[in-house]
Amino acid sequence: METIGERIKRLRKEKKLTQSQLGEFLGVEKSAVAKWENGRTKNLKRATIQAMAQLFGVRPSYILEGEDYKIMLNQQEIILVQQFREADEQQKRLALYALSMNGEKHND
C-alpha cells in the first residue's frame, strides 16, 4: 500500500513539478517536500493538505488515506467548480440550464 509520502511524490510527478516548485506553491522549502515524500514528517498542516489537494485535483482524504477513488480535475474544471461555488443561486441555475441545453443539443 502506498504511503502518504509516496502519493505526494507520485502526484507531484504527474503534474511534472519539481520539489522546489511544489514547495514554492505551498510556501515551504524544498527540504520540507523531500521530508514529506521520504516519510520523515508525519503531521502535515491541514491548510497544506488542502492546497496540495486543490493543486493535484484530488480530495484531501485521498492524500491522507489513499482511498481507492480520486477525483482528477483539469485546470479548466477546477476554475469552473470554483466559479460555480462563488456564484449566487440565479447564476448557478443559469449555468446548469446552459449545460443541460448543451447536452440536449448533442443528443439530436
N, C-alpha and C. Protein backbone atom coordinates (compact mmCIF):
# COMPACT_ATOMS: atom_id res chain seq x y z
N MET A 1 0.84 -1.19 0.00
CA MET A 1 0.00 0.00 0.00
C MET A 1 0.88 1.25 0.00
N GLU A 2 0.46 2.21 -0.75
CA GLU A 2 1.22 3.46 -0.92
C GLU A 2 1.13 4.33 0.33
N THR A 3 2.26 4.91 0.73
CA THR A 3 2.29 5.83 1.88
C THR A 3 1.87 7.23 1.45
N ILE A 4 1.62 8.10 2.43
CA ILE A 4 1.29 9.50 2.12
C ILE A 4 2.42 10.12 1.30
N GLY A 5 3.64 9.90 1.72
CA GLY A 5 4.78 10.47 1.01
C GLY A 5 4.87 9.98 -0.42
N GLU A 6 4.62 8.69 -0.63
CA GLU A 6 4.66 8.14 -1.99
C GLU A 6 3.55 8.72 -2.85
N ARG A 7 2.37 8.96 -2.25
CA ARG A 7 1.27 9.58 -3.00
C ARG A 7 1.63 11.01 -3.39
N ILE A 8 2.18 11.76 -2.44
CA ILE A 8 2.58 13.14 -2.73
C ILE A 8 3.60 13.16 -3.86
N LYS A 9 4.58 12.30 -3.78
CA LYS A 9 5.62 12.25 -4.82
C LYS A 9 5.03 11.89 -6.18
N ARG A 10 4.17 10.88 -6.20
CA ARG A 10 3.56 10.45 -7.47
C ARG A 10 2.70 11.57 -8.06
N LEU A 11 1.87 12.18 -7.22
CA LEU A 11 1.01 13.27 -7.70
C LEU A 11 1.83 14.45 -8.19
N ARG A 12 2.91 14.75 -7.48
CA ARG A 12 3.79 15.85 -7.89
C ARG A 12 4.39 15.55 -9.26
N LYS A 13 4.85 14.32 -9.45
CA LYS A 13 5.46 13.95 -10.73
C LYS A 13 4.43 13.91 -11.86
N GLU A 14 3.19 13.51 -11.54
CA GLU A 14 2.13 13.52 -12.55
C GLU A 14 1.89 14.93 -13.06
N LYS A 15 2.06 15.91 -12.18
CA LYS A 15 1.91 17.32 -12.56
C LYS A 15 3.20 17.91 -13.14
N LYS A 16 4.23 17.06 -13.22
CA LYS A 16 5.54 17.47 -13.76
C LYS A 16 6.13 18.65 -12.98
N LEU A 17 6.03 18.56 -11.65
CA LEU A 17 6.58 19.58 -10.76
C LEU A 17 7.82 19.05 -10.06
N THR A 18 8.77 19.92 -9.83
CA THR A 18 9.92 19.57 -9.00
C THR A 18 9.53 19.76 -7.54
N GLN A 19 10.35 19.27 -6.65
CA GLN A 19 10.12 19.50 -5.22
C GLN A 19 10.16 21.00 -4.93
N SER A 20 11.07 21.69 -5.57
CA SER A 20 11.18 23.15 -5.37
C SER A 20 9.92 23.86 -5.83
N GLN A 21 9.38 23.47 -6.97
CA GLN A 21 8.17 24.12 -7.49
C GLN A 21 6.97 23.86 -6.58
N LEU A 22 6.84 22.61 -6.11
CA LEU A 22 5.75 22.30 -5.19
C LEU A 22 5.91 23.10 -3.90
N GLY A 23 7.12 23.13 -3.38
CA GLY A 23 7.39 23.90 -2.17
C GLY A 23 7.05 25.37 -2.33
N GLU A 24 7.43 25.94 -3.46
CA GLU A 24 7.14 27.35 -3.73
C GLU A 24 5.63 27.59 -3.76
N PHE A 25 4.90 26.71 -4.42
CA PHE A 25 3.44 26.83 -4.49
C PHE A 25 2.82 26.78 -3.09
N LEU A 26 3.37 25.92 -2.23
CA LEU A 26 2.81 25.72 -0.89
C LEU A 26 3.41 26.65 0.16
N GLY A 27 4.45 27.40 -0.22
CA GLY A 27 5.08 28.32 0.72
C GLY A 27 6.01 27.65 1.71
N VAL A 28 6.65 26.55 1.26
CA VAL A 28 7.62 25.84 2.10
C VAL A 28 8.90 25.61 1.32
N GLU A 29 9.93 25.21 2.02
CA GLU A 29 11.21 24.92 1.38
C GLU A 29 11.17 23.56 0.68
N LYS A 30 12.04 23.38 -0.28
CA LYS A 30 12.19 22.10 -0.98
C LYS A 30 12.45 20.97 0.02
N SER A 31 13.23 21.27 1.06
CA SER A 31 13.57 20.25 2.06
C SER A 31 12.32 19.72 2.78
N ALA A 32 11.31 20.58 2.96
CA ALA A 32 10.06 20.13 3.59
C ALA A 32 9.36 19.12 2.70
N VAL A 33 9.31 19.41 1.40
CA VAL A 33 8.69 18.49 0.44
C VAL A 33 9.43 17.16 0.44
N ALA A 34 10.76 17.22 0.46
CA ALA A 34 11.57 16.00 0.48
C ALA A 34 11.27 15.18 1.74
N LYS A 35 11.11 15.85 2.87
CA LYS A 35 10.79 15.14 4.12
C LYS A 35 9.43 14.47 4.04
N TRP A 36 8.44 15.15 3.46
CA TRP A 36 7.11 14.55 3.31
C TRP A 36 7.21 13.30 2.46
N GLU A 37 7.90 13.44 1.33
CA GLU A 37 7.96 12.33 0.38
C GLU A 37 8.75 11.15 0.92
N ASN A 38 9.70 11.41 1.80
CA ASN A 38 10.51 10.34 2.40
C ASN A 38 9.93 9.80 3.70
N GLY A 39 8.78 10.35 4.10
CA GLY A 39 8.11 9.86 5.31
C GLY A 39 8.74 10.33 6.61
N ARG A 40 9.55 11.38 6.54
CA ARG A 40 10.20 11.89 7.75
C ARG A 40 9.36 12.92 8.48
N THR A 41 8.24 13.34 7.88
CA THR A 41 7.31 14.26 8.53
C THR A 41 5.94 13.61 8.51
N LYS A 42 5.35 13.44 9.66
CA LYS A 42 4.07 12.75 9.76
C LYS A 42 2.88 13.71 9.82
N ASN A 43 3.04 14.83 10.48
CA ASN A 43 1.92 15.74 10.70
C ASN A 43 1.96 16.92 9.75
N LEU A 44 1.26 16.78 8.63
CA LEU A 44 1.15 17.89 7.69
C LEU A 44 0.01 18.80 8.13
N LYS A 45 0.19 20.10 7.93
CA LYS A 45 -0.86 21.05 8.28
C LYS A 45 -2.07 20.86 7.37
N ARG A 46 -3.24 21.05 7.96
CA ARG A 46 -4.49 20.91 7.19
C ARG A 46 -4.49 21.82 5.97
N ALA A 47 -4.05 23.07 6.13
CA ALA A 47 -4.03 24.01 5.01
C ALA A 47 -3.10 23.53 3.90
N THR A 48 -1.99 22.91 4.28
CA THR A 48 -1.05 22.38 3.29
C THR A 48 -1.69 21.23 2.52
N ILE A 49 -2.36 20.35 3.21
CA ILE A 49 -3.03 19.22 2.56
C ILE A 49 -4.12 19.72 1.62
N GLN A 50 -4.88 20.70 2.06
CA GLN A 50 -5.94 21.25 1.22
C GLN A 50 -5.37 21.93 -0.02
N ALA A 51 -4.28 22.66 0.14
CA ALA A 51 -3.65 23.31 -1.01
C ALA A 51 -3.11 22.28 -2.00
N MET A 52 -2.48 21.22 -1.47
CA MET A 52 -1.99 20.16 -2.35
C MET A 52 -3.14 19.49 -3.09
N ALA A 53 -4.21 19.21 -2.37
CA ALA A 53 -5.36 18.54 -2.98
C ALA A 53 -5.92 19.38 -4.12
N GLN A 54 -6.01 20.67 -3.90
CA GLN A 54 -6.51 21.56 -4.95
C GLN A 54 -5.57 21.56 -6.15
N LEU A 55 -4.30 21.67 -5.90
CA LEU A 55 -3.31 21.67 -6.98
C LEU A 55 -3.36 20.37 -7.77
N PHE A 56 -3.45 19.24 -7.07
CA PHE A 56 -3.41 17.94 -7.72
C PHE A 56 -4.77 17.50 -8.25
N GLY A 57 -5.83 18.20 -7.87
CA GLY A 57 -7.16 17.84 -8.33
C GLY A 57 -7.71 16.58 -7.68
N VAL A 58 -7.38 16.38 -6.41
CA VAL A 58 -7.87 15.22 -5.67
C VAL A 58 -8.50 15.69 -4.36
N ARG A 59 -9.17 14.78 -3.69
CA ARG A 59 -9.73 15.09 -2.37
C ARG A 59 -8.60 15.05 -1.34
N PRO A 60 -8.67 15.88 -0.31
CA PRO A 60 -7.67 15.80 0.76
C PRO A 60 -7.56 14.40 1.36
N SER A 61 -8.70 13.73 1.48
CA SER A 61 -8.69 12.38 2.05
C SER A 61 -7.89 11.41 1.18
N TYR A 62 -7.82 11.67 -0.11
CA TYR A 62 -7.02 10.81 -0.99
C TYR A 62 -5.54 10.93 -0.62
N ILE A 63 -5.09 12.14 -0.38
CA ILE A 63 -3.69 12.34 0.01
C ILE A 63 -3.41 11.66 1.34
N LEU A 64 -4.32 11.84 2.30
CA LEU A 64 -4.11 11.30 3.64
C LEU A 64 -4.28 9.79 3.73
N GLU A 65 -5.31 9.28 3.11
CA GLU A 65 -5.67 7.88 3.33
C GLU A 65 -5.51 6.99 2.12
N GLY A 66 -5.30 7.58 0.95
CA GLY A 66 -5.14 6.77 -0.25
C GLY A 66 -6.38 5.99 -0.61
N GLU A 67 -7.52 6.66 -0.52
CA GLU A 67 -8.76 6.00 -0.88
C GLU A 67 -8.63 5.40 -2.27
N ASP A 68 -9.45 4.41 -2.54
CA ASP A 68 -9.41 3.74 -3.83
C ASP A 68 -9.82 4.65 -4.97
N TYR A 69 -10.57 5.68 -4.66
CA TYR A 69 -11.02 6.58 -5.70
C TYR A 69 -10.38 7.95 -5.50
N LYS A 70 -10.28 8.66 -6.59
CA LYS A 70 -9.84 10.04 -6.53
C LYS A 70 -10.52 10.79 -7.66
N ILE A 71 -10.66 12.05 -7.47
CA ILE A 71 -11.28 12.86 -8.49
C ILE A 71 -10.18 13.73 -9.11
N MET A 72 -9.90 13.48 -10.35
CA MET A 72 -8.89 14.27 -11.04
C MET A 72 -9.60 15.30 -11.91
N LEU A 73 -9.30 16.54 -11.70
CA LEU A 73 -9.87 17.61 -12.48
C LEU A 73 -8.75 18.33 -13.22
N ASN A 74 -9.04 18.74 -14.45
CA ASN A 74 -8.05 19.56 -15.13
C ASN A 74 -8.22 21.00 -14.67
N GLN A 75 -7.33 21.88 -15.07
CA GLN A 75 -7.34 23.26 -14.57
C GLN A 75 -8.63 23.98 -14.93
N GLN A 76 -9.15 23.74 -16.13
CA GLN A 76 -10.40 24.39 -16.54
C GLN A 76 -11.56 23.93 -15.66
N GLU A 77 -11.61 22.65 -15.33
CA GLU A 77 -12.67 22.13 -14.47
C GLU A 77 -12.56 22.70 -13.05
N ILE A 78 -11.35 22.84 -12.55
CA ILE A 78 -11.15 23.43 -11.23
C ILE A 78 -11.67 24.86 -11.20
N ILE A 79 -11.36 25.62 -12.24
CA ILE A 79 -11.83 27.01 -12.33
C ILE A 79 -13.36 27.05 -12.38
N LEU A 80 -13.97 26.15 -13.17
CA LEU A 80 -15.43 26.12 -13.25
C LEU A 80 -16.07 25.80 -11.90
N VAL A 81 -15.50 24.85 -11.19
CA VAL A 81 -16.03 24.49 -9.87
C VAL A 81 -15.91 25.68 -8.91
N GLN A 82 -14.75 26.34 -8.93
CA GLN A 82 -14.56 27.49 -8.04
C GLN A 82 -15.56 28.60 -8.37
N GLN A 83 -15.74 28.87 -9.67
CA GLN A 83 -16.69 29.91 -10.06
C GLN A 83 -18.12 29.54 -9.69
N PHE A 84 -18.48 28.27 -9.86
CA PHE A 84 -19.81 27.80 -9.50
C PHE A 84 -20.06 27.97 -8.01
N ARG A 85 -19.07 27.63 -7.20
CA ARG A 85 -19.22 27.76 -5.75
C ARG A 85 -19.39 29.21 -5.31
N GLU A 86 -18.78 30.13 -6.05
CA GLU A 86 -18.86 31.55 -5.70
C GLU A 86 -20.10 32.23 -6.27
N ALA A 87 -20.81 31.57 -7.19
CA ALA A 87 -21.96 32.16 -7.85
C ALA A 87 -23.16 32.22 -6.91
N ASP A 88 -24.05 33.18 -7.19
CA ASP A 88 -25.30 33.22 -6.44
C ASP A 88 -26.25 32.18 -7.04
N GLU A 89 -27.40 32.00 -6.41
CA GLU A 89 -28.33 30.94 -6.84
C GLU A 89 -28.81 31.12 -8.27
N GLN A 90 -29.08 32.36 -8.67
CA GLN A 90 -29.55 32.61 -10.04
C GLN A 90 -28.45 32.24 -11.05
N GLN A 91 -27.22 32.62 -10.77
CA GLN A 91 -26.11 32.28 -11.66
C GLN A 91 -25.93 30.77 -11.76
N LYS A 92 -26.10 30.08 -10.64
CA LYS A 92 -25.98 28.62 -10.65
C LYS A 92 -27.07 27.99 -11.51
N ARG A 93 -28.31 28.48 -11.36
CA ARG A 93 -29.42 27.95 -12.17
C ARG A 93 -29.17 28.18 -13.65
N LEU A 94 -28.69 29.38 -13.99
CA LEU A 94 -28.39 29.69 -15.40
C LEU A 94 -27.28 28.80 -15.95
N ALA A 95 -26.25 28.58 -15.15
CA ALA A 95 -25.15 27.73 -15.59
C ALA A 95 -25.62 26.30 -15.82
N LEU A 96 -26.41 25.78 -14.89
CA LEU A 96 -26.93 24.42 -15.03
C LEU A 96 -27.87 24.32 -16.23
N TYR A 97 -28.66 25.35 -16.45
CA TYR A 97 -29.56 25.36 -17.60
C TYR A 97 -28.75 25.35 -18.90
N ALA A 98 -27.74 26.20 -18.97
CA ALA A 98 -26.91 26.26 -20.18
C ALA A 98 -26.23 24.92 -20.44
N LEU A 99 -25.74 24.29 -19.41
CA LEU A 99 -25.11 22.98 -19.58
C LEU A 99 -26.11 21.92 -20.02
N SER A 100 -27.32 21.98 -19.48
CA SER A 100 -28.33 20.99 -19.86
C SER A 100 -28.75 21.19 -21.31
N MET A 101 -28.82 22.43 -21.77
CA MET A 101 -29.18 22.71 -23.16
C MET A 101 -28.08 22.23 -24.10
N ASN A 102 -26.85 22.36 -23.68
CA ASN A 102 -25.72 21.88 -24.49
C ASN A 102 -25.80 20.36 -24.65
N GLY A 103 -26.17 19.66 -23.57
CA GLY A 103 -26.32 18.22 -23.62
C GLY A 103 -27.43 17.78 -24.54
N GLU A 104 -28.57 18.51 -24.51
CA GLU A 104 -29.68 18.18 -25.38
C GLU A 104 -29.33 18.42 -26.84
N LYS A 105 -28.54 19.44 -27.09
CA LYS A 105 -28.12 19.76 -28.46
C LYS A 105 -27.33 18.62 -29.07
N HIS A 106 -26.48 17.97 -28.26
CA HIS A 106 -25.65 16.87 -28.75
C HIS A 106 -26.40 15.55 -28.84
N ASN A 107 -27.57 15.47 -28.22
CA ASN A 107 -28.33 14.22 -28.25
C ASN A 107 -29.19 14.09 -29.49
N ASP A 108 -29.30 15.13 -30.31
CA ASP A 108 -30.12 15.07 -31.52
C ASP A 108 -29.54 14.17 -32.57
